[in-house]
């Protein structure tokens, strides 16, 4: 991986749930890694058309150095004001521990979760 491509800075957040004094469960997103160098890549139009055939919601890929504690659907990425829900974490095909690709849903669809 060419480190020059990691020009974006993303924050990885983990959801924490707790019951308030009334017993209502609340979710809070807490940063666990910030800022991390990453490459944010929107999926091309052709890839989106092909993905629609399999009912995929993924519209963005984020590539970064390997982190073992990034878990799909339990963590999310934030770049500036955009939230990316992590649908899948894919290790690099050679070693599995040099970098990861996060398959994500961005924007308004991401908050629906």
PDB file of N, CA and C in Angstrom:
ATOM      1  N   UNK A   1       0.840  -1.179   0.000  1.00  0.00           N
ATOM      2  CA  UNK A   1       0.000   0.000   0.000  1.00  0.00           C
ATOM      3  C   UNK A   1       0.885   1.240   0.000  1.00  0.00           C
ATOM      4  N   UNK A   2       0.547   2.180  -0.846  1.00  0.00           N
ATOM      5  CA  UNK A   2       1.280   3.430  -0.934  1.00  0.00           C
ATOM      6  C   UNK A   2       0.769   4.381   0.153  1.00  0.00           C
ATOM      7  N   UNK A   3       1.627   4.729   1.138  1.00  0.00           N
ATOM      8  CA  UNK A   3       1.148   5.590   2.227  1.00  0.00           C
ATOM      9  C   UNK A   3       0.722   6.977   1.769  1.00  0.00           C
ATOM     10  N   UNK A   4       1.171   7.416   0.599  1.00  0.00           N
ATOM     11  CA  UNK A   4       0.764   8.720   0.082  1.00  0.00           C
ATOM     12  C   UNK A   4      -0.723   8.795  -0.235  1.00  0.00           C
ATOM     13  N   UNK A   5      -1.363   7.652  -0.401  1.00  0.00           N
ATOM     14  CA  UNK A   5      -2.797   7.633  -0.704  1.00  0.00           C
ATOM     15  C   UNK A   5      -3.645   7.836   0.554  1.00  0.00           C
ATOM     16  N   UNK A   6      -3.051   7.743   1.723  1.00  0.00           N
ATOM     17  CA  UNK A   6      -3.792   7.873   2.995  1.00  0.00           C
ATOM     18  C   UNK A   6      -3.899   9.353   3.363  1.00  0.00           C
ATOM     19  N   UNK A   7      -4.595  10.121   2.545  1.00  0.00           N
ATOM     20  CA  UNK A   7      -4.659  11.562   2.726  1.00  0.00           C
ATOM     21  C   UNK A   7      -5.837  12.051   3.555  1.00  0.00           C
ATOM     22  N   UNK A   8      -6.775  11.172   3.851  1.00  0.00           N
ATOM     23  CA  UNK A   8      -7.929  11.540   4.676  1.00  0.00           C
ATOM     24  C   UNK A   8      -7.643  11.188   6.133  1.00  0.00           C
ATOM     25  N   UNK A   9      -8.264  11.899   7.037  1.00  0.00           N
ATOM     26  CA  UNK A   9      -8.134  11.602   8.468  1.00  0.00           C
ATOM     27  C   UNK A   9      -9.509  11.207   8.990  1.00  0.00           C
ATOM     28  N   UNK A  10      -9.621   9.976   9.487  1.00  0.00           N
ATOM     29  CA  UNK A  10     -10.900   9.481   9.974  1.00  0.00           C
ATOM     30  C   UNK A  10     -10.814   9.169  11.462  1.00  0.00           C
ATOM     31  N   UNK A  11     -11.946   9.276  12.103  1.00  0.00           N
ATOM     32  CA  UNK A  11     -12.093   8.911  13.508  1.00  0.00           C
ATOM     33  C   UNK A  11     -12.920   7.635  13.562  1.00  0.00           C
ATOM     34  N   UNK A  12     -12.456   6.654  14.311  1.00  0.00           N
ATOM     35  CA  UNK A  12     -13.216   5.417  14.500  1.00  0.00           C
ATOM     36  C   UNK A  12     -13.940   5.544  15.834  1.00  0.00           C
ATOM     37  N   UNK A  13     -15.243   5.288  15.814  1.00  0.00           N
ATOM     38  CA  UNK A  13     -16.080   5.413  17.011  1.00  0.00           C
ATOM     39  C   UNK A  13     -16.733   4.075  17.332  1.00  0.00           C
ATOM     40  N   UNK A  14     -16.927   3.808  18.619  1.00  0.00           N
ATOM     41  CA  UNK A  14     -17.596   2.589  19.080  1.00  0.00           C
ATOM     42  C   UNK A  14     -18.859   2.990  19.826  1.00  0.00           C
ATOM     43  N   UNK A  15     -19.920   2.219  19.623  1.00  0.00           N
ATOM     44  CA  UNK A  15     -21.178   2.501  20.289  1.00  0.00           C
ATOM     45  C   UNK A  15     -21.128   1.962  21.722  1.00  0.00           C
ATOM     46  N   UNK A  16     -21.626   2.765  22.641  1.00  0.00           N
ATOM     47  CA  UNK A  16     -21.763   2.345  24.038  1.00  0.00           C
ATOM     48  C   UNK A  16     -23.217   2.523  24.416  1.00  0.00           C
ATOM     49  N   UNK A  17     -23.810   1.478  24.980  1.00  0.00           N
ATOM     50  CA  UNK A  17     -25.207   1.556  25.400  1.00  0.00           C
ATOM     51  C   UNK A  17     -25.273   1.556  26.917  1.00  0.00           C
ATOM     52  N   UNK A  18     -26.211   2.317  27.421  1.00  0.00           N
ATOM     53  CA  UNK A  18     -26.397   2.402  28.873  1.00  0.00           C
ATOM     54  C   UNK A  18     -27.862   2.720  29.150  1.00  0.00           C
ATOM     55  N   UNK A  19     -28.306   2.346  30.336  1.00  0.00           N
ATOM     56  CA  UNK A  19     -29.654   2.687  30.774  1.00  0.00           C
ATOM     57  C   UNK A  19     -29.579   3.952  31.613  1.00  0.00           C
ATOM     58  N   UNK A  20     -30.461   4.918  31.306  1.00  0.00           N
ATOM     59  CA  UNK A  20     -30.480   6.130  32.124  1.00  0.00           C
ATOM     60  C   UNK A  20     -31.298   5.879  33.396  1.00  0.00           C
ATOM     61  N   UNK A  21     -31.499   6.915  34.187  1.00  0.00           N
ATOM     62  CA  UNK A  21     -32.189   6.764  35.473  1.00  0.00           C
ATOM     63  C   UNK A  21     -33.637   6.308  35.318  1.00  0.00           C
ATOM     64  N   UNK A  22     -34.233   6.527  34.149  1.00  0.00           N
ATOM     65  CA  UNK A  22     -35.606   6.087  33.893  1.00  0.00           C
ATOM     66  C   UNK A  22     -35.666   4.694  33.271  1.00  0.00           C
ATOM     67  N   UNK A  23     -34.512   4.065  33.075  1.00  0.00           N
ATOM     68  CA  UNK A  23     -34.468   2.740  32.484  1.00  0.00           C
ATOM     69  C   UNK A  23     -34.510   2.730  30.966  1.00  0.00           C
ATOM     70  N   UNK A  24     -34.378   3.898  30.355  1.00  0.00           N
ATOM     71  CA  UNK A  24     -34.378   4.000  28.903  1.00  0.00           C
ATOM     72  C   UNK A  24     -32.962   3.759  28.389  1.00  0.00           C
ATOM     73  N   UNK A  25     -32.837   2.847  27.446  1.00  0.00           N
ATOM     74  CA  UNK A  25     -31.524   2.522  26.883  1.00  0.00           C
ATOM     75  C   UNK A  25     -31.114   3.605  25.891  1.00  0.00           C
ATOM     76  N   UNK A  26     -29.907   4.137  26.057  1.00  0.00           N
ATOM     77  CA  UNK A  26     -29.389   5.160  25.154  1.00  0.00           C
ATOM     78  C   UNK A  26     -28.085   4.671  24.528  1.00  0.00           C
ATOM     79  N   UNK A  27     -27.822   5.139  23.312  1.00  0.00           N
ATOM     80  CA  UNK A  27     -26.585   4.817  22.614  1.00  0.00           C
ATOM     81  C   UNK A  27     -25.752   6.078  22.481  1.00  0.00           C
ATOM     82  N   UNK A  28     -24.467   5.943  22.764  1.00  0.00           N
ATOM     83  CA  UNK A  28     -23.525   7.039  22.628  1.00  0.00           C
ATOM     84  C   UNK A  28     -22.340   6.539  21.827  1.00  0.00           C
ATOM     85  N   UNK A  29     -21.898   7.324  20.846  1.00  0.00           N
ATOM     86  CA  UNK A  29     -20.732   6.963  20.040  1.00  0.00           C
ATOM     87  C   UNK A  29     -19.508   7.657  20.622  1.00  0.00           C
ATOM     88  N   UNK A  30     -18.505   6.864  20.987  1.00  0.00           N
ATOM     89  CA  UNK A  30     -17.292   7.361  21.622  1.00  0.00           C
ATOM     90  C   UNK A  30     -16.092   7.102  20.718  1.00  0.00           C
ATOM     91  N   UNK A  31     -15.267   8.121  20.461  1.00  0.00           N
ATOM     92  CA  UNK A  31     -14.076   7.900  19.635  1.00  0.00           C
ATOM     93  C   UNK A  31     -13.110   6.933  20.316  1.00  0.00           C
ATOM     94  N   UNK A  32     -12.602   5.957  19.543  1.00  0.00           N
ATOM     95  CA  UNK A  32     -11.575   5.055  20.070  1.00  0.00           C
ATOM     96  C   UNK A  32     -10.256   5.240  19.338  1.00  0.00           C
ATOM     97  N   UNK A  33     -10.294   5.744  18.121  1.00  0.00           N
ATOM     98  CA  UNK A  33      -9.089   6.060  17.350  1.00  0.00           C
ATOM     99  C   UNK A  33      -9.330   7.373  16.622  1.00  0.00           C
ATOM    100  N   UNK A  34      -8.434   8.344  16.827  1.00  0.00           N
ATOM    101  CA  UNK A  34      -8.574   9.607  16.103  1.00  0.00           C
ATOM    102  C   UNK A  34      -7.250  10.348  16.096  1.00  0.00           C
ATOM    103  N   UNK A  35      -6.898  10.995  15.061  1.00  0.00           N
ATOM    104  CA  UNK A  35      -7.321  10.715  13.699  1.00  0.00           C
ATOM    105  C   UNK A  35      -6.426   9.646  13.079  1.00  0.00           C
ATOM    106  N   UNK A  36      -6.974   8.839  12.225  1.00  0.00           N
ATOM    107  CA  UNK A  36      -6.216   7.798  11.527  1.00  0.00           C
ATOM    108  C   UNK A  36      -6.083   8.169  10.061  1.00  0.00           C
ATOM    109  N   UNK A  37      -4.894   8.007   9.484  1.00  0.00           N
ATOM    110  CA  UNK A  37      -4.768   8.236   8.047  1.00  0.00           C
ATOM    111  C   UNK A  37      -5.484   7.135   7.280  1.00  0.00           C
ATOM    112  N   UNK A  38      -6.234   7.517   6.260  1.00  0.00           N
ATOM    113  CA  UNK A  38      -7.014   6.550   5.487  1.00  0.00           C
ATOM    114  C   UNK A  38      -7.231   7.078   4.077  1.00  0.00           C
ATOM    115  N   UNK A  39      -7.667   6.184   3.210  1.00  0.00           N
ATOM    116  CA  UNK A  39      -8.067   6.547   1.858  1.00  0.00           C
ATOM    117  C   UNK A  39      -9.559   6.256   1.740  1.00  0.00           C
ATOM    118  N   UNK A  40     -10.349   7.277   1.434  1.00  0.00           N
ATOM    119  CA  UNK A  40     -11.793   7.116   1.259  1.00  0.00           C
ATOM    120  C   UNK A  40     -12.081   7.070  -0.232  1.00  0.00           C
ATOM    121  N   UNK A  41     -12.733   5.982  -0.681  1.00  0.00           N
ATOM    122  CA  UNK A  41     -12.987   5.766  -2.103  1.00  0.00           C
ATOM    123  C   UNK A  41     -14.474   5.502  -2.333  1.00  0.00           C
ATOM    124  N   UNK A  42     -15.184   6.448  -2.951  1.00  0.00           N
ATOM    125  CA  UNK A  42     -16.569   6.149  -3.337  1.00  0.00           C
ATOM    126  C   UNK A  42     -16.569   5.017  -4.353  1.00  0.00           C
ATOM    127  N   UNK A  43     -17.557   4.152  -4.277  1.00  0.00           N
ATOM    128  CA  UNK A  43     -17.665   3.059  -5.238  1.00  0.00           C
ATOM    129  C   UNK A  43     -18.171   3.633  -6.558  1.00  0.00           C
ATOM    130  N   UNK A  44     -17.575   3.192  -7.655  1.00  0.00           N
ATOM    131  CA  UNK A  44     -17.917   3.724  -8.975  1.00  0.00           C
ATOM    132  C   UNK A  44     -19.341   3.349  -9.375  1.00  0.00           C
ATOM    133  N   UNK A  45     -19.874   4.050 -10.358  1.00  0.00           N
ATOM    134  CA  UNK A  45     -21.235   3.793 -10.833  1.00  0.00           C
ATOM    135  C   UNK A  45     -21.446   2.364 -11.289  1.00  0.00           C
ATOM    136  N   UNK A  46     -20.474   1.819 -12.007  1.00  0.00           N
ATOM    137  CA  UNK A  46     -20.586   0.432 -12.469  1.00  0.00           C
ATOM    138  C   UNK A  46     -20.629  -0.548 -11.318  1.00  0.00           C
ATOM    139  N   UNK A  47     -19.814  -0.294 -10.307  1.00  0.00           N
ATOM    140  CA  UNK A  47     -19.819  -1.163  -9.128  1.00  0.00           C
ATOM    141  C   UNK A  47     -21.144  -1.061  -8.385  1.00  0.00           C
ATOM    142  N   UNK A  48     -21.710   0.151  -8.319  1.00  0.00           N
ATOM    143  CA  UNK A  48     -23.003   0.318  -7.647  1.00  0.00           C
ATOM    144  C   UNK A  48     -24.107  -0.435  -8.376  1.00  0.00           C
ATOM    145  N   UNK A  49     -24.090  -0.411  -9.714  1.00  0.00           N
ATOM    146  CA  UNK A  49     -25.102  -1.135 -10.486  1.00  0.00           C
ATOM    147  C   UNK A  49     -24.971  -2.632 -10.238  1.00  0.00           C
ATOM    148  N   UNK A  50     -23.736  -3.139 -10.255  1.00  0.00           N
ATOM    149  CA  UNK A  50     -23.510  -4.560  -9.991  1.00  0.00           C
ATOM    150  C   UNK A  50     -23.914  -4.916  -8.567  1.00  0.00           C
ATOM    151  N   UNK A  51     -23.634  -4.036  -7.609  1.00  0.00           N
ATOM    152  CA  UNK A  51     -23.979  -4.289  -6.218  1.00  0.00           C
ATOM    153  C   UNK A  51     -25.487  -4.291  -6.017  1.00  0.00           C
ATOM    154  N   UNK A  52     -26.214  -3.493  -6.798  1.00  0.00           N
ATOM    155  CA  UNK A  52     -27.673  -3.442  -6.664  1.00  0.00           C
ATOM    156  C   UNK A  52     -28.292  -4.800  -6.962  1.00  0.00           C
ATOM    157  N   UNK A  53     -27.648  -5.560  -7.815  1.00  0.00           N
ATOM    158  CA  UNK A  53     -28.159  -6.889  -8.133  1.00  0.00           C
ATOM    159  C   UNK A  53     -28.110  -7.812  -6.924  1.00  0.00           C
ATOM    160  N   UNK A  54     -27.205  -7.533  -5.994  1.00  0.00           N
ATOM    161  CA  UNK A  54     -27.095  -8.361  -4.791  1.00  0.00           C
ATOM    162  C   UNK A  54     -27.658  -7.638  -3.562  1.00  0.00           C
ATOM    163  N   UNK A  55     -28.384  -6.540  -3.777  1.00  0.00           N
ATOM    164  CA  UNK A  55     -29.033  -5.772  -2.712  1.00  0.00           C
ATOM    165  C   UNK A  55     -28.037  -5.223  -1.703  1.00  0.00           C
ATOM    166  N   UNK A  56     -26.859  -4.814  -2.150  1.00  0.00           N
ATOM    167  CA  UNK A  56     -25.853  -4.248  -1.270  1.00  0.00           C
ATOM    168  C   UNK A  56     -26.130  -2.767  -1.034  1.00  0.00           C
ATOM    169  N   UNK A  57     -25.900  -2.300   0.187  1.00  0.00           N
ATOM    170  CA  UNK A  57     -26.051  -0.891   0.515  1.00  0.00           C
ATOM    171  C   UNK A  57     -24.713  -0.168   0.455  1.00  0.00           C
ATOM    172  N   UNK A  58     -23.619  -0.901   0.370  1.00  0.00           N
ATOM    173  CA  UNK A  58     -22.281  -0.330   0.450  1.00  0.00           C
ATOM    174  C   UNK A  58     -22.054   0.651  -0.689  1.00  0.00           C
ATOM    175  N   UNK A  59     -21.603   1.888  -0.351  1.00  0.00           N
ATOM    176  CA  UNK A  59     -21.328   2.890  -1.376  1.00  0.00           C
ATOM    177  C   UNK A  59     -19.943   3.504  -1.254  1.00  0.00           C
ATOM    178  N   UNK A  60     -19.182   3.101  -0.235  1.00  0.00           N
ATOM    179  CA  UNK A  60     -17.856   3.675  -0.002  1.00  0.00           C
ATOM    180  C   UNK A  60     -16.925   2.610   0.553  1.00  0.00           C
ATOM    181  N   UNK A  61     -15.650   2.713   0.161  1.00  0.00           N
ATOM    182  CA  UNK A  61     -14.609   1.873   0.751  1.00  0.00           C
ATOM    183  C   UNK A  61     -13.617   2.782   1.443  1.00  0.00           C
ATOM    184  N   UNK A  62     -13.184   2.380   2.621  1.00  0.00           N
ATOM    185  CA  UNK A  62     -12.142   3.106   3.344  1.00  0.00           C
ATOM    186  C   UNK A  62     -10.995   2.128   3.566  1.00  0.00           C
ATOM    187  N   UNK A  63      -9.811   2.513   3.124  1.00  0.00           N
ATOM    188  CA  UNK A  63      -8.634   1.655   3.300  1.00  0.00           C
ATOM    189  C   UNK A  63      -7.689   2.338   4.284  1.00  0.00           C
ATOM    190  N   UNK A  64      -7.185   1.552   5.232  1.00  0.00           N
ATOM    191  CA  UNK A  64      -6.269   2.084   6.244  1.00  0.00           C
ATOM    192  C   UNK A  64      -5.344   0.986   6.734  1.00  0.00           C
ATOM    193  N   UNK A  65      -4.373   1.367   7.529  1.00  0.00           N
ATOM    194  CA  UNK A  65      -3.495   0.371   8.132  1.00  0.00           C
ATOM    195  C   UNK A  65      -4.309  -0.522   9.061  1.00  0.00           C
ATOM    196  N   UNK A  66      -3.831  -1.733   9.241  1.00  0.00           N
ATOM    197  CA  UNK A  66      -4.541  -2.755  10.021  1.00  0.00           C
ATOM    198  C   UNK A  66      -4.818  -2.304  11.447  1.00  0.00           C
ATOM    199  N   UNK A  67      -6.017  -2.549  11.905  1.00  0.00           N
ATOM    200  CA  UNK A  67      -6.445  -2.365  13.301  1.00  0.00           C
ATOM    201  C   UNK A  67      -7.312  -3.558  13.653  1.00  0.00           C
ATOM    202  N   UNK A  68      -6.963  -4.265  14.701  1.00  0.00           N
ATOM    203  CA  UNK A  68      -7.708  -5.472  15.079  1.00  0.00           C
ATOM    204  C   UNK A  68      -9.048  -5.152  15.738  1.00  0.00           C
ATOM    205  N   UNK A  69      -9.181  -3.958  16.304  1.00  0.00           N
ATOM    206  CA  UNK A  69     -10.387  -3.658  17.084  1.00  0.00           C
ATOM    207  C   UNK A  69     -11.484  -2.951  16.293  1.00  0.00           C
ATOM    208  N   UNK A  70     -11.365  -2.878  14.986  1.00  0.00           N
ATOM    209  CA  UNK A  70     -12.441  -2.321  14.171  1.00  0.00           C
ATOM    210  C   UNK A  70     -13.353  -3.481  13.773  1.00  0.00           C
ATOM    211  N   UNK A  71     -14.601  -3.419  14.232  1.00  0.00           N
ATOM    212  CA  UNK A  71     -15.548  -4.516  14.051  1.00  0.00           C
ATOM    213  C   UNK A  71     -16.766  -3.990  13.294  1.00  0.00           C
ATOM    214  N   UNK A  72     -17.160  -4.714  12.260  1.00  0.00           N
ATOM    215  CA  UNK A  72     -18.339  -4.311  11.476  1.00  0.00           C
ATOM    216  C   UNK A  72     -19.566  -4.242  12.374  1.00  0.00           C
ATOM    217  N   UNK A  73     -20.382  -3.225  12.151  1.00  0.00           N
ATOM    218  CA  UNK A  73     -21.650  -2.972  12.834  1.00  0.00           C
ATOM    219  C   UNK A  73     -21.505  -2.607  14.311  1.00  0.00           C
ATOM    220  N   UNK A  74     -20.298  -2.661  14.882  1.00  0.00           N
ATOM    221  CA  UNK A  74     -20.073  -2.215  16.259  1.00  0.00           C
ATOM    222  C   UNK A  74     -19.267  -0.927  16.302  1.00  0.00           C
ATOM    223  N   UNK A  75     -18.600  -0.616  15.205  1.00  0.00           N
ATOM    224  CA  UNK A  75     -17.821   0.615  15.097  1.00  0.00           C
ATOM    225  C   UNK A  75     -18.244   1.341  13.832  1.00  0.00           C
ATOM    226  N   UNK A  76     -17.939   2.637  13.781  1.00  0.00           N
ATOM    227  CA  UNK A  76     -18.214   3.420  12.584  1.00  0.00           C
ATOM    228  C   UNK A  76     -17.045   4.373  12.367  1.00  0.00           C
ATOM    229  N   UNK A  77     -16.975   4.927  11.170  1.00  0.00           N
ATOM    230  CA  UNK A  77     -15.930   5.883  10.834  1.00  0.00           C
ATOM    231  C   UNK A  77     -16.575   7.244  10.602  1.00  0.00           C
ATOM    232  N   UNK A  78     -15.823   8.291  10.937  1.00  0.00           N
ATOM    233  CA  UNK A  78     -16.308   9.654  10.705  1.00  0.00           C
ATOM    234  C   UNK A  78     -15.191  10.431  10.021  1.00  0.00           C
ATOM    235  N   UNK A  79     -15.548  11.087   8.925  1.00  0.00           N
ATOM    236  CA  UNK A  79     -14.617  11.987   8.241  1.00  0.00           C
ATOM    237  C   UNK A  79     -15.328  13.315   8.086  1.00  0.00           C
ATOM    238  N   UNK A  80     -14.800  14.318   8.756  1.00  0.00           N
ATOM    239  CA  UNK A  80     -15.444  15.629   8.821  1.00  0.00           C
ATOM    240  C   UNK A  80     -16.870  15.462   9.327  1.00  0.00           C
ATOM    241  N   UNK A  81     -17.879  15.803   8.523  1.00  0.00           N
ATOM    242  CA  UNK A  81     -19.275  15.679   8.963  1.00  0.00           C
ATOM    243  C   UNK A  81     -19.968  14.435   8.426  1.00  0.00           C
ATOM    244  N   UNK A  82     -19.219  13.570   7.752  1.00  0.00           N
ATOM    245  CA  UNK A  82     -19.819  12.369   7.172  1.00  0.00           C
ATOM    246  C   UNK A  82     -19.566  11.166   8.064  1.00  0.00           C
ATOM    247  N   UNK A  83     -20.635  10.425   8.340  1.00  0.00           N
ATOM    248  CA  UNK A  83     -20.549   9.206   9.137  1.00  0.00           C
ATOM    249  C   UNK A  83     -20.632   8.018   8.191  1.00  0.00           C
ATOM    250  N   UNK A  84     -19.749   7.045   8.399  1.00  0.00           N
ATOM    251  CA  UNK A  84     -19.722   5.825   7.594  1.00  0.00           C
ATOM    252  C   UNK A  84     -20.011   4.634   8.494  1.00  0.00           C
ATOM    253  N   UNK A  85     -21.118   3.953   8.251  1.00  0.00           N
ATOM    254  CA  UNK A  85     -21.428   2.719   8.966  1.00  0.00           C
ATOM    255  C   UNK A  85     -20.610   1.606   8.339  1.00  0.00           C
ATOM    256  N   UNK A  86     -19.829   0.899   9.138  1.00  0.00           N
ATOM    257  CA  UNK A  86     -18.957  -0.158   8.637  1.00  0.00           C
ATOM    258  C   UNK A  86     -19.762  -1.445   8.518  1.00  0.00           C
ATOM    259  N   UNK A  87     -19.959  -1.905   7.285  1.00  0.00           N
ATOM    260  CA  UNK A  87     -20.713  -3.124   7.019  1.00  0.00           C
ATOM    261  C   UNK A  87     -19.824  -4.361   7.025  1.00  0.00           C
ATOM    262  N   UNK A  88     -18.547  -4.204   6.616  1.00  0.00           N
ATOM    263  CA  UNK A  88     -17.624  -5.342   6.570  1.00  0.00           C
ATOM    264  C   UNK A  88     -16.195  -4.837   6.704  1.00  0.00           C
ATOM    265  N   UNK A  89     -15.351  -5.655   7.315  1.00  0.00           N
ATOM    266  CA  UNK A  89     -13.927  -5.371   7.454  1.00  0.00           C
ATOM    267  C   UNK A  89     -13.181  -6.466   6.697  1.00  0.00           C
ATOM    268  N   UNK A  90     -12.443  -6.071   5.668  1.00  0.00           N
ATOM    269  CA  UNK A  90     -11.760  -7.036   4.810  1.00  0.00           C
ATOM    270  C   UNK A  90     -10.255  -6.865   4.962  1.00  0.00           C
ATOM    271  N   UNK A  91      -9.534  -7.900   5.429  1.00  0.00           N
ATOM    272  CA  UNK A  91      -8.077  -7.800   5.561  1.00  0.00           C
ATOM    273  C   UNK A  91      -7.397  -7.850   4.199  1.00  0.00           C
ATOM    274  N   UNK A  92      -6.145  -7.389   4.141  1.00  0.00           N
ATOM    275  CA  UNK A  92      -5.429  -7.452   2.871  1.00  0.00           C
ATOM    276  C   UNK A  92      -5.221  -8.910   2.471  1.00  0.00           C
ATOM    277  N   UNK A  93      -5.231  -9.200   1.175  1.00  0.00           N
ATOM    278  CA  UNK A  93      -5.205 -10.595   0.725  1.00  0.00           C
ATOM    279  C   UNK A  93      -3.875 -11.315   0.918  1.00  0.00           C
ATOM    280  N   UNK A  94      -2.771 -10.586   1.085  1.00  0.00           N
ATOM    281  CA  UNK A  94      -1.468 -11.249   1.212  1.00  0.00           C
ATOM    282  C   UNK A  94      -1.179 -11.686   2.640  1.00  0.00           C
ATOM    283  N   UNK A  95      -1.080 -10.739   3.557  1.00  0.00           N
ATOM    284  CA  UNK A  95      -0.709 -11.086   4.937  1.00  0.00           C
ATOM    285  C   UNK A  95      -1.896 -11.069   5.888  1.00  0.00           C
ATOM    286  N   UNK A  96      -2.897 -10.258   5.581  1.00  0.00           N
ATOM    287  CA  UNK A  96      -4.050 -10.129   6.463  1.00  0.00           C
ATOM    288  C   UNK A  96      -3.849  -9.169   7.618  1.00  0.00           C
ATOM    289  N   UNK A  97      -2.630  -8.619   7.766  1.00  0.00           N
ATOM    290  CA  UNK A  97      -2.362  -7.741   8.906  1.00  0.00           C
ATOM    291  C   UNK A  97      -1.641  -6.443   8.534  1.00  0.00           C
ATOM    292  N   UNK A  98      -1.548  -6.128   7.253  1.00  0.00           N
ATOM    293  CA  UNK A  98      -0.895  -4.878   6.868  1.00  0.00           C
ATOM    294  C   UNK A  98      -1.895  -3.741   6.723  1.00  0.00           C
ATOM    295  N   UNK A  99      -3.024  -4.014   6.093  1.00  0.00           N
ATOM    296  CA  UNK A  99      -4.053  -3.006   5.921  1.00  0.00           C
ATOM    297  C   UNK A  99      -5.413  -3.680   5.850  1.00  0.00           C
ATOM    298  N   UNK A 100      -6.450  -2.872   6.018  1.00  0.00           N
ATOM    299  CA  UNK A 100      -7.818  -3.370   5.930  1.00  0.00           C
ATOM    300  C   UNK A 100      -8.624  -2.457   5.015  1.00  0.00           C
ATOM    301  N   UNK A 101      -9.654  -3.025   4.435  1.00  0.00           N
ATOM    302  CA  UNK A 101     -10.616  -2.256   3.656  1.00  0.00           C
ATOM    303  C   UNK A 101     -11.959  -2.350   4.370  1.00  0.00           C
ATOM    304  N   UNK A 102     -12.541  -1.197   4.650  1.00  0.00           N
ATOM    305  CA  UNK A 102     -13.844  -1.135   5.309  1.00  0.00           C
ATOM    306  C   UNK A 102     -14.905  -0.894   4.241  1.00  0.00           C
ATOM    307  N   UNK A 103     -15.871  -1.780   4.138  1.00  0.00           N
ATOM    308  CA  UNK A 103     -17.001  -1.602   3.224  1.00  0.00           C
ATOM    309  C   UNK A 103     -18.055  -0.823   4.022  1.00  0.00           C
ATOM    310  N   UNK A 104     -18.426   0.355   3.527  1.00  0.00           N
ATOM    311  CA  UNK A 104     -19.256   1.262   4.332  1.00  0.00           C
ATOM    312  C   UNK A 104     -20.468   1.797   3.587  1.00  0.00           C
ATOM    313  N   UNK A 105     -21.439   2.241   4.386  1.00  0.00           N
ATOM    314  CA  UNK A 105     -22.590   2.995   3.925  1.00  0.00           C
ATOM    315  C   UNK A 105     -22.396   4.405   4.463  1.00  0.00           C
ATOM    316  N   UNK A 106     -22.519   5.401   3.608  1.00  0.00           N
ATOM    317  CA  UNK A 106     -22.256   6.779   4.040  1.00  0.00           C
ATOM    318  C   UNK A 106     -23.521   7.610   4.112  1.00  0.00           C
ATOM    319  N   UNK A 107     -23.415   8.725   4.794  1.00  0.00           N
ATOM    320  CA  UNK A 107     -24.462   9.744   4.810  1.00  0.00           C
ATOM    321  C   UNK A 107     -25.711   9.338   5.560  1.00  0.00           C
ATOM    322  N   UNK A 108     -26.884   9.775   5.033  1.00  0.00           N
ATOM    323  CA  UNK A 108     -28.164   9.574   5.700  1.00  0.00           C
ATOM    324  C   UNK A 108     -28.473   8.095   5.896  1.00  0.00           C
ATOM    325  N   UNK A 109     -28.082   7.236   4.921  1.00  0.00           N
ATOM    326  CA  UNK A 109     -28.334   5.808   5.048  1.00  0.00           C
ATOM    327  C   UNK A 109     -27.552   5.218   6.218  1.00  0.00           C
ATOM    328  N   UNK A 110     -26.410   5.829   6.538  1.00  0.00           N
ATOM    329  CA  UNK A 110     -25.559   5.292   7.596  1.00  0.00           C
ATOM    330  C   UNK A 110     -26.241   5.382   8.954  1.00  0.00           C
ATOM    331  N   UNK A 111     -26.975   6.460   9.205  1.00  0.00           N
ATOM    332  CA  UNK A 111     -27.595   6.610  10.527  1.00  0.00           C
ATOM    333  C   UNK A 111     -28.765   5.665  10.718  1.00  0.00           C
ATOM    334  N   UNK A 112     -29.354   5.167   9.655  1.00  0.00           N
ATOM    335  CA  UNK A 112     -30.462   4.234   9.781  1.00  0.00           C
ATOM    336  C   UNK A 112     -30.009   2.902  10.295  1.00  0.00           C
ATOM    337  N   UNK A 113     -28.721   2.607  10.075  1.00  0.00           N
ATOM    338  CA  UNK A 113     -28.067   1.547  10.676  1.00  0.00           C
ATOM    339  C   UNK A 113     -28.326   0.173  10.507  1.00  0.00           C
TER     340      UNK A 113
END
